[in-house]
Amino acid sequence: MDHNRHIINYDLSDRKKQILKAIIEAHIEFGEPVGSKYLTSLDVISCSSATIRNEMAELEELGFLEQPHTSAGRIPSELGYRLYVDSLVERYRLTEAEISELQRTLRGKQNELDAILDTAVKLTSKFTRYTALTIKPRQRRITVSRFDVIPIDEHTMVLVMIIGRVAKTKYISSDYPVTSEAAFRLSTVLNQYISGLTSDEISMPTVMLMERAMGEYEYLVSPVVKSVCEMITSFDGGELRFDGINRLLSYPDYYDNDRLRDMLELFERKDDLLQVLSDGTYADEGDNKVKIYIGRENQVKIMDNSTLIYKTVMRDNVPVGAIGLIGPTRMNYGRAISLIDNISDSVSHLIESGDSDNTMYLNGETNG
């Protein structure tokens, strides 16, 4: 089940929703079980302590609350958090000072995707005080759209490959002469026969056809095709970066040494999380909303007490990355969701092709 696309529709009374919301927000702020005595002190809840206790018991029976110890107050369950982020959370409104800092910092890096993502991940961690991440996803289909071959000297040439928006170069040496005519013919043959093909699609019959087309220069085909396949294969690895990993230490949820060690290994190994986020980034192509995975909703088992929030970064309606954060399930969802939404949209706007103005786009309201 995709928890981000199916809002929970339990028929809860307004009073139950109000009590559940108050419990979750108190637990987020204080990190302790919440009892009826605390709730009766809130102006927004106008009912007796006995009524509150009955409502809390019913919310527990429905699975929205848990009671960690007998006679203790309640804490939210994963189901409670899910209902909260789907329909109860109030989106945080960025202050004018926060918007100004986001604008100034991101705009200063607007011409380089890597630099923008690096800056964005630092801002996300700074503003939320959770561990932030940015991803350049593993690519699903890597092909070269154009080839150029440039002779350097009698036995050396440079192979230029355009992959997506990136130009890659490879120096290739040959025991046989590399003339201008040979380089020109090789460029033509490469573009004719293997432009637009993945490494798996470049077959031996295709290589043989290329050798036949090269005539007396057929000896250049095999080393060049080998270099092309190596470049394509190495290009699709994806990249995952983190900022603020040490912030986990400030939350009691990670005080357990074994759990903290597992999380740190996840950040260092990266592969599991990179694959999940790469798959999710492409799956989100037609539904570019903030995605929230709470506790055991995460596909990575180690994160069963954590929440992952991320949003895809788009360029020309194509996913090119994502910005997100990882923190305890007891996180400030309103602020976290708003910041991820705003920063991701701002980065997408900055990197749109043909956008010479690159004015910041922030979809949150200000407090001003």
Protein backbone atom coordinates (compact mmCIF):
# COMPACT_ATOMS: atom_id res chain seq x y z
CA MET A 1 0.00 0.00 0.00
CA ASP A 2 1.25 3.49 -0.80
CA HIS A 3 0.51 5.45 2.33
CA ASN A 4 1.18 8.76 0.63
CA ARG A 5 -1.66 8.40 -1.86
CA HIS A 6 -4.47 7.09 0.34
CA ILE A 7 -5.58 9.42 3.11
CA ILE A 8 -6.96 7.58 6.13
CA ASN A 9 -10.70 8.12 6.29
CA TYR A 10 -11.68 6.94 9.75
CA ASP A 11 -14.91 8.45 10.96
CA LEU A 12 -13.45 10.26 13.95
CA SER A 13 -15.42 12.96 15.72
CA ASP A 14 -14.02 16.47 15.74
CA ARG A 15 -13.29 16.06 19.46
CA LYS A 16 -11.24 12.90 18.90
CA LYS A 17 -9.28 14.62 16.12
CA GLN A 18 -8.68 17.62 18.38
CA ILE A 19 -7.43 15.42 21.22
CA LEU A 20 -5.24 13.32 18.91
CA LYS A 21 -3.73 16.46 17.38
CA ALA A 22 -3.00 17.92 20.82
CA ILE A 23 -1.36 14.70 22.02
CA ILE A 24 0.86 14.43 18.94
CA GLU A 25 1.99 18.05 19.09
CA ALA A 26 2.72 17.81 22.83
CA HIS A 27 4.69 14.60 22.30
CA ILE A 28 6.66 16.21 19.47
CA GLU A 29 7.52 19.16 21.71
CA PHE A 30 8.30 17.37 24.98
CA GLY A 31 9.06 13.78 24.01
CA GLU A 32 7.02 12.34 26.90
CA PRO A 33 3.72 10.43 27.15
CA VAL A 34 0.77 12.82 27.34
CA GLY A 35 -1.93 12.48 29.99
CA SER A 36 -5.43 13.84 30.42
CA LYS A 37 -4.28 16.33 33.07
CA TYR A 38 -2.12 18.16 30.54
CA LEU A 39 -4.91 18.18 27.95
CA THR A 40 -7.41 19.75 30.34
CA SER A 41 -5.02 22.72 30.70
CA LEU A 42 -5.29 23.53 26.99
CA ASP A 43 -7.75 26.23 25.94
CA VAL A 44 -8.56 24.41 22.70
CA ILE A 45 -10.02 21.40 24.57
CA SER A 46 -13.13 22.20 26.57
CA CYS A 47 -14.25 18.93 28.15
CA SER A 48 -13.75 17.14 31.44
CA SER A 49 -10.80 14.98 32.38
CA ALA A 50 -13.05 11.89 32.45
CA THR A 51 -14.30 12.58 28.92
CA ILE A 52 -10.74 13.08 27.70
CA ARG A 53 -9.65 9.77 29.26
CA ASN A 54 -12.53 7.96 27.54
CA GLU A 55 -11.67 9.52 24.20
CA MET A 56 -7.99 8.60 24.66
CA ALA A 57 -8.94 5.00 25.43
CA GLU A 58 -11.06 4.81 22.28
CA LEU A 59 -8.25 6.33 20.19
CA GLU A 60 -5.94 3.66 21.61
CA GLU A 61 -8.40 0.90 20.71
CA LEU A 62 -8.57 2.27 17.15
CA GLY A 63 -4.77 2.13 16.91
CA PHE A 64 -4.01 5.86 16.85
CA LEU A 65 -2.42 5.96 20.32
CA GLU A 66 -0.21 3.67 22.38
CA GLN A 67 0.36 3.42 26.14
CA PRO A 68 4.03 2.59 26.78
CA HIS A 69 3.49 1.83 30.50
CA THR A 70 0.52 1.10 32.72
CA SER A 71 -0.89 4.30 34.25
CA ALA A 72 1.31 6.37 31.91
CA GLY A 73 -0.06 8.81 29.37
CA ARG A 74 -0.34 8.04 25.67
CA ILE A 75 2.02 8.48 22.74
CA PRO A 76 1.11 8.51 19.05
CA SER A 77 1.33 5.31 17.02
CA GLU A 78 2.54 5.25 13.41
CA LEU A 79 -1.13 5.22 12.38
CA GLY A 80 -1.71 8.31 14.52
CA TYR A 81 1.19 10.12 12.88
CA ARG A 82 -0.10 9.07 9.45
CA LEU A 83 -3.56 10.55 10.11
CA TYR A 84 -1.90 13.66 11.53
CA VAL A 85 0.30 14.38 8.48
CA ASP A 86 -2.51 13.51 6.06
CA SER A 87 -5.27 15.66 7.52
CA LEU A 88 -4.49 17.38 10.85
CA VAL A 89 -1.09 19.04 10.59
CA GLU A 90 -0.99 22.81 10.14
CA ARG A 91 1.60 23.84 7.59
CA TYR A 92 4.36 26.00 9.03
CA ARG A 93 4.50 29.52 7.60
CA LEU A 94 8.01 30.64 6.78
CA THR A 95 9.07 33.94 8.31
CA GLU A 96 10.25 36.76 6.09
CA ALA A 97 13.77 36.31 7.49
CA GLU A 98 13.76 32.60 6.58
CA ILE A 99 12.49 33.28 3.06
CA SER A 100 15.12 36.00 2.62
CA GLU A 101 17.93 33.64 3.65
CA LEU A 102 16.67 30.88 1.34
CA GLN A 103 16.46 33.32 -1.58
CA ARG A 104 19.88 34.82 -1.00
CA THR A 105 21.71 31.55 -0.45
CA LEU A 106 20.16 29.50 -3.25
CA ARG A 107 20.25 32.26 -5.85
CA GLY A 108 24.00 32.64 -5.35
CA LYS A 109 24.49 29.11 -6.74
CA GLN A 110 21.86 29.15 -9.44
CA ASN A 111 24.04 28.07 -12.39
CA GLU A 112 25.32 24.74 -11.07
CA LEU A 113 23.02 21.84 -10.14
CA ASP A 114 25.58 20.20 -7.83
CA ALA A 115 26.27 23.47 -6.03
CA ILE A 116 22.55 24.19 -5.66
CA LEU A 117 21.86 20.74 -4.20
CA ASP A 118 24.81 21.03 -1.81
CA THR A 119 23.54 24.39 -0.61
CA ALA A 120 19.95 23.13 -0.36
CA VAL A 121 20.87 20.13 1.79
CA LYS A 122 22.78 22.37 4.22
CA LEU A 123 19.84 24.78 4.45
CA THR A 124 17.40 21.91 5.02
CA SER A 125 19.44 20.54 7.93
CA LYS A 126 20.00 23.99 9.40
CA PHE A 127 16.34 25.03 9.30
CA THR A 128 14.85 21.71 10.48
CA ARG A 129 17.67 20.47 12.78
CA TYR A 130 17.30 16.98 11.33
CA THR A 131 19.61 15.00 9.04
CA ALA A 132 19.10 16.29 5.52
CA LEU A 133 19.82 14.48 2.27
CA THR A 134 19.99 15.19 -1.42
CA ILE A 135 19.95 12.63 -4.20
CA LYS A 136 20.89 12.51 -7.85
CA PRO A 137 19.03 9.29 -8.72
CA ARG A 138 20.34 6.27 -10.53
CA GLN A 139 19.37 6.69 -14.14
CA ARG A 140 17.10 4.17 -15.78
CA ARG A 141 18.32 4.45 -19.38
CA ILE A 142 21.76 5.85 -20.14
CA THR A 143 22.56 6.62 -23.77
CA VAL A 144 24.90 8.88 -25.69
CA SER A 145 23.03 11.39 -27.84
CA ARG A 146 26.05 12.56 -29.81
CA PHE A 147 29.66 11.56 -30.48
CA ASP A 148 32.63 13.61 -31.66
CA VAL A 149 36.14 12.29 -32.25
CA ILE A 150 39.05 14.75 -32.21
CA PRO A 151 42.58 13.65 -33.23
CA ILE A 152 45.27 14.91 -30.84
CA ASP A 153 48.39 13.46 -32.44
CA GLU A 154 49.30 10.57 -34.71
CA HIS A 155 48.27 7.88 -32.20
CA THR A 156 45.87 9.67 -29.79
CA MET A 157 42.28 10.89 -30.08
CA VAL A 158 39.69 12.36 -27.73
CA LEU A 159 36.23 10.81 -27.74
CA VAL A 160 33.53 13.33 -26.72
CA MET A 161 30.17 11.89 -25.59
CA ILE A 162 27.04 13.89 -24.78
CA ILE A 163 25.05 12.06 -22.11
CA GLY A 164 21.92 13.97 -21.13
CA ARG A 165 23.15 17.49 -20.40
CA VAL A 166 26.73 16.38 -19.63
CA ALA A 167 29.75 16.14 -21.93
CA LYS A 168 32.15 13.29 -21.10
CA THR A 169 35.59 12.90 -22.66
CA LYS A 170 37.89 9.91 -23.00
CA TYR A 171 41.47 9.85 -24.31
CA ILE A 172 42.11 6.79 -26.49
CA SER A 173 45.51 5.64 -27.74
CA SER A 174 45.98 3.51 -30.85
CA ASP A 175 48.91 1.53 -32.17
CA TYR A 176 47.81 2.58 -35.64
CA PRO A 177 47.58 6.10 -37.11
CA VAL A 178 44.62 8.32 -36.19
CA THR A 179 44.20 10.65 -39.13
CA SER A 180 41.70 13.49 -39.49
CA GLU A 181 39.83 11.44 -42.05
CA ALA A 182 39.67 8.44 -39.68
CA ALA A 183 38.39 10.64 -36.82
CA PHE A 184 35.70 12.20 -39.02
CA ARG A 185 34.54 8.83 -40.33
CA LEU A 186 34.50 7.36 -36.81
CA SER A 187 32.31 10.23 -35.54
CA THR A 188 29.86 9.59 -38.37
CA VAL A 189 29.72 5.83 -37.76
CA LEU A 190 29.28 6.18 -33.99
CA ASN A 191 26.38 8.62 -34.42
CA GLN A 192 24.79 6.46 -37.10
CA TYR A 193 24.96 3.08 -35.36
CA ILE A 194 25.02 3.47 -31.54
CA SER A 195 23.72 6.96 -30.75
CA GLY A 196 20.67 6.48 -28.51
CA LEU A 197 21.55 2.89 -27.53
CA THR A 198 22.25 1.63 -24.02
CA SER A 199 25.36 -0.47 -23.39
CA ASP A 200 23.18 -3.62 -23.37
CA GLU A 201 21.80 -2.72 -26.80
CA ILE A 202 25.23 -2.42 -28.46
CA SER A 203 25.49 -5.94 -29.91
CA MET A 204 28.27 -7.77 -31.73
CA PRO A 205 26.39 -7.61 -35.08
CA THR A 206 26.21 -3.82 -34.63
CA VAL A 207 29.97 -3.65 -33.97
CA MET A 208 30.60 -5.73 -37.10
CA LEU A 209 28.48 -3.36 -39.18
CA MET A 210 30.46 -0.42 -37.78
CA GLU A 211 33.77 -2.09 -38.70
CA ARG A 212 32.53 -2.68 -42.23
CA ALA A 213 31.49 0.97 -42.52
CA MET A 214 34.91 2.14 -41.27
CA GLY A 215 36.72 0.29 -44.08
CA GLU A 216 40.48 0.59 -43.69
CA TYR A 217 40.04 2.18 -40.25
CA GLU A 218 38.09 -0.73 -38.78
CA TYR A 219 40.76 -1.20 -36.09
CA LEU A 220 39.46 1.89 -34.29
CA VAL A 221 35.98 0.51 -33.67
CA SER A 222 36.66 -2.11 -30.98
CA PRO A 223 38.61 0.09 -28.47
CA VAL A 224 36.22 2.99 -28.95
CA VAL A 225 33.07 0.90 -28.42
CA LYS A 226 34.67 -0.59 -25.31
CA SER A 227 35.29 2.93 -23.95
CA VAL A 228 31.71 3.97 -24.75
CA CYS A 229 30.25 0.98 -22.85
CA GLU A 230 32.52 1.61 -19.87
CA MET A 231 31.49 5.27 -19.73
CA ILE A 232 27.76 4.50 -19.97
CA THR A 233 28.02 1.83 -17.26
CA SER A 234 29.88 4.13 -14.87
CA PHE A 235 27.49 7.04 -15.44
CA ASP A 236 24.32 5.57 -13.86
CA GLY A 237 25.46 5.08 -10.26
CA GLY A 238 23.49 7.94 -8.72
CA GLU A 239 24.67 10.00 -5.77
CA LEU A 240 23.42 10.48 -2.21
CA ARG A 241 24.75 13.16 0.13
CA PHE A 242 23.93 13.95 3.75
CA ASP A 243 24.29 16.94 6.03
CA GLY A 244 23.80 17.06 9.79
CA ILE A 245 24.17 13.34 10.58
CA ASN A 246 25.41 14.34 14.04
CA ARG A 247 22.01 15.93 14.72
CA LEU A 248 20.62 12.44 15.39
CA LEU A 249 22.56 12.46 18.65
CA SER A 250 20.33 15.21 20.04
CA TYR A 251 17.21 12.97 19.94
CA PRO A 252 16.50 10.32 22.62
CA ASP A 253 15.10 8.08 19.87
CA TYR A 254 18.71 7.32 18.83
CA TYR A 255 20.31 6.99 22.27
CA ASP A 256 20.37 3.20 21.89
CA ASN A 257 23.91 2.42 20.70
CA ASP A 258 22.91 -0.49 18.44
CA ARG A 259 20.19 1.53 16.72
CA LEU A 260 22.46 4.52 16.25
CA ARG A 261 25.21 2.31 14.83
CA ASP A 262 22.76 0.79 12.34
CA MET A 263 21.65 4.24 11.20
CA LEU A 264 25.24 5.43 10.77
CA GLU A 265 26.01 2.31 8.73
CA LEU A 266 23.00 3.08 6.54
CA PHE A 267 24.35 6.58 5.86
CA GLU A 268 27.84 5.25 5.13
CA ARG A 269 26.75 2.34 2.93
CA LYS A 270 24.09 4.42 1.12
CA ASP A 271 23.09 1.72 -1.42
CA ASP A 272 19.79 0.69 0.19
CA LEU A 273 18.57 4.24 0.65
CA LEU A 274 19.88 5.35 -2.74
CA GLN A 275 17.92 2.60 -4.49
CA VAL A 276 14.70 3.37 -2.59
CA LEU A 277 14.95 7.09 -3.32
CA SER A 278 15.92 6.53 -6.98
CA ASP A 279 12.87 4.31 -7.49
CA GLY A 280 10.65 6.78 -5.66
CA THR A 281 11.97 9.78 -7.57
CA TYR A 282 11.02 8.26 -10.93
CA ALA A 283 7.70 6.98 -9.59
CA ASP A 284 6.87 10.54 -8.48
CA GLU A 285 7.31 11.97 -11.98
CA GLY A 286 3.60 12.62 -12.48
CA ASP A 287 2.80 13.34 -8.82
CA ASN A 288 5.35 15.81 -7.50
CA LYS A 289 4.16 16.10 -3.91
CA VAL A 290 6.02 15.89 -0.62
CA LYS A 291 6.37 12.19 0.26
CA ILE A 292 6.30 11.07 3.90
CA TYR A 293 7.23 7.59 5.16
CA ILE A 294 6.71 7.03 8.88
CA GLY A 295 8.40 4.24 10.84
CA ARG A 296 7.67 0.84 9.34
CA GLU A 297 6.29 2.44 6.18
CA ASN A 298 9.95 2.81 5.20
CA GLN A 299 11.27 0.05 2.96
CA VAL A 300 14.62 0.12 4.80
CA LYS A 301 14.11 -1.88 8.01
CA ILE A 302 16.71 0.05 9.98
CA MET A 303 14.47 3.15 9.72
CA ASP A 304 11.54 1.61 11.60
CA ASN A 305 11.70 4.37 14.24
CA SER A 306 12.41 7.19 11.79
CA THR A 307 10.51 9.34 9.32
CA LEU A 308 11.74 10.03 5.79
CA ILE A 309 10.39 13.13 4.04
CA TYR A 310 11.45 14.13 0.54
CA LYS A 311 10.32 15.90 -2.61
CA THR A 312 11.53 15.49 -6.18
CA VAL A 313 13.47 18.26 -7.92
CA MET A 314 12.28 18.73 -11.51
CA ARG A 315 13.82 20.31 -14.60
CA ASP A 316 11.60 20.63 -17.67
CA ASN A 317 9.15 18.22 -15.96
CA VAL A 318 11.86 15.55 -15.66
CA PRO A 319 13.14 14.35 -12.24
CA VAL A 320 16.80 15.27 -11.72
CA GLY A 321 17.07 14.74 -7.97
CA ALA A 322 15.34 15.04 -4.63
CA ILE A 323 15.78 16.87 -1.34
CA GLY A 324 14.68 15.36 1.94
CA LEU A 325 15.35 14.72 5.58
CA ILE A 326 15.45 11.92 8.12
CA GLY A 327 14.48 12.32 11.73
CA PRO A 328 12.60 10.60 14.54
CA THR A 329 8.91 9.80 14.07
CA ARG A 330 8.40 12.42 16.77
CA MET A 331 9.31 15.30 14.47
CA ASN A 332 7.85 18.73 13.81
CA TYR A 333 5.92 17.70 10.70
CA GLY A 334 4.38 21.07 9.94
CA ARG A 335 7.75 22.82 9.72
CA ALA A 336 9.55 19.91 8.04
CA ILE A 337 6.95 19.45 5.29
CA SER A 338 6.78 23.18 4.53
CA LEU A 339 10.55 23.56 4.28
CA ILE A 340 11.03 20.51 2.06
CA ASP A 341 8.19 21.71 -0.17
CA ASN A 342 9.61 25.23 -0.46
CA ILE A 343 13.27 24.34 -0.90
CA SER A 344 12.58 21.64 -3.51
CA ASP A 345 10.30 23.92 -5.53
CA SER A 346 12.84 26.74 -5.30
CA VAL A 347 15.63 24.51 -6.62
CA SER A 348 13.40 23.24 -9.44
CA HIS A 349 12.61 26.81 -10.42
CA LEU A 350 16.26 27.87 -10.36
CA ILE A 351 17.45 25.12 -12.69
CA GLU A 352 14.67 25.35 -15.29
CA SER A 353 16.29 25.64 -18.71
CA GLY A 354 15.84 28.96 -20.43
CA ASP A 355 14.98 30.72 -17.15
CA SER A 356 17.26 33.73 -17.37
CA ASP A 357 15.60 35.61 -14.57
CA ASN A 358 15.56 32.73 -12.08
CA THR A 359 13.39 34.57 -9.57
CA MET A 360 12.92 32.53 -6.41
CA TYR A 361 9.70 30.56 -6.15
CA LEU A 362 8.42 30.02 -2.64
CA ASN A 363 4.94 28.58 -2.20
CA GLY A 364 4.60 29.16 1.52
CA GLU A 365 2.97 32.10 3.20
CA THR A 366 4.99 34.49 5.32
CA ASN A 367 4.28 35.57 8.83
CA GLY A 368 4.62 39.19 7.81
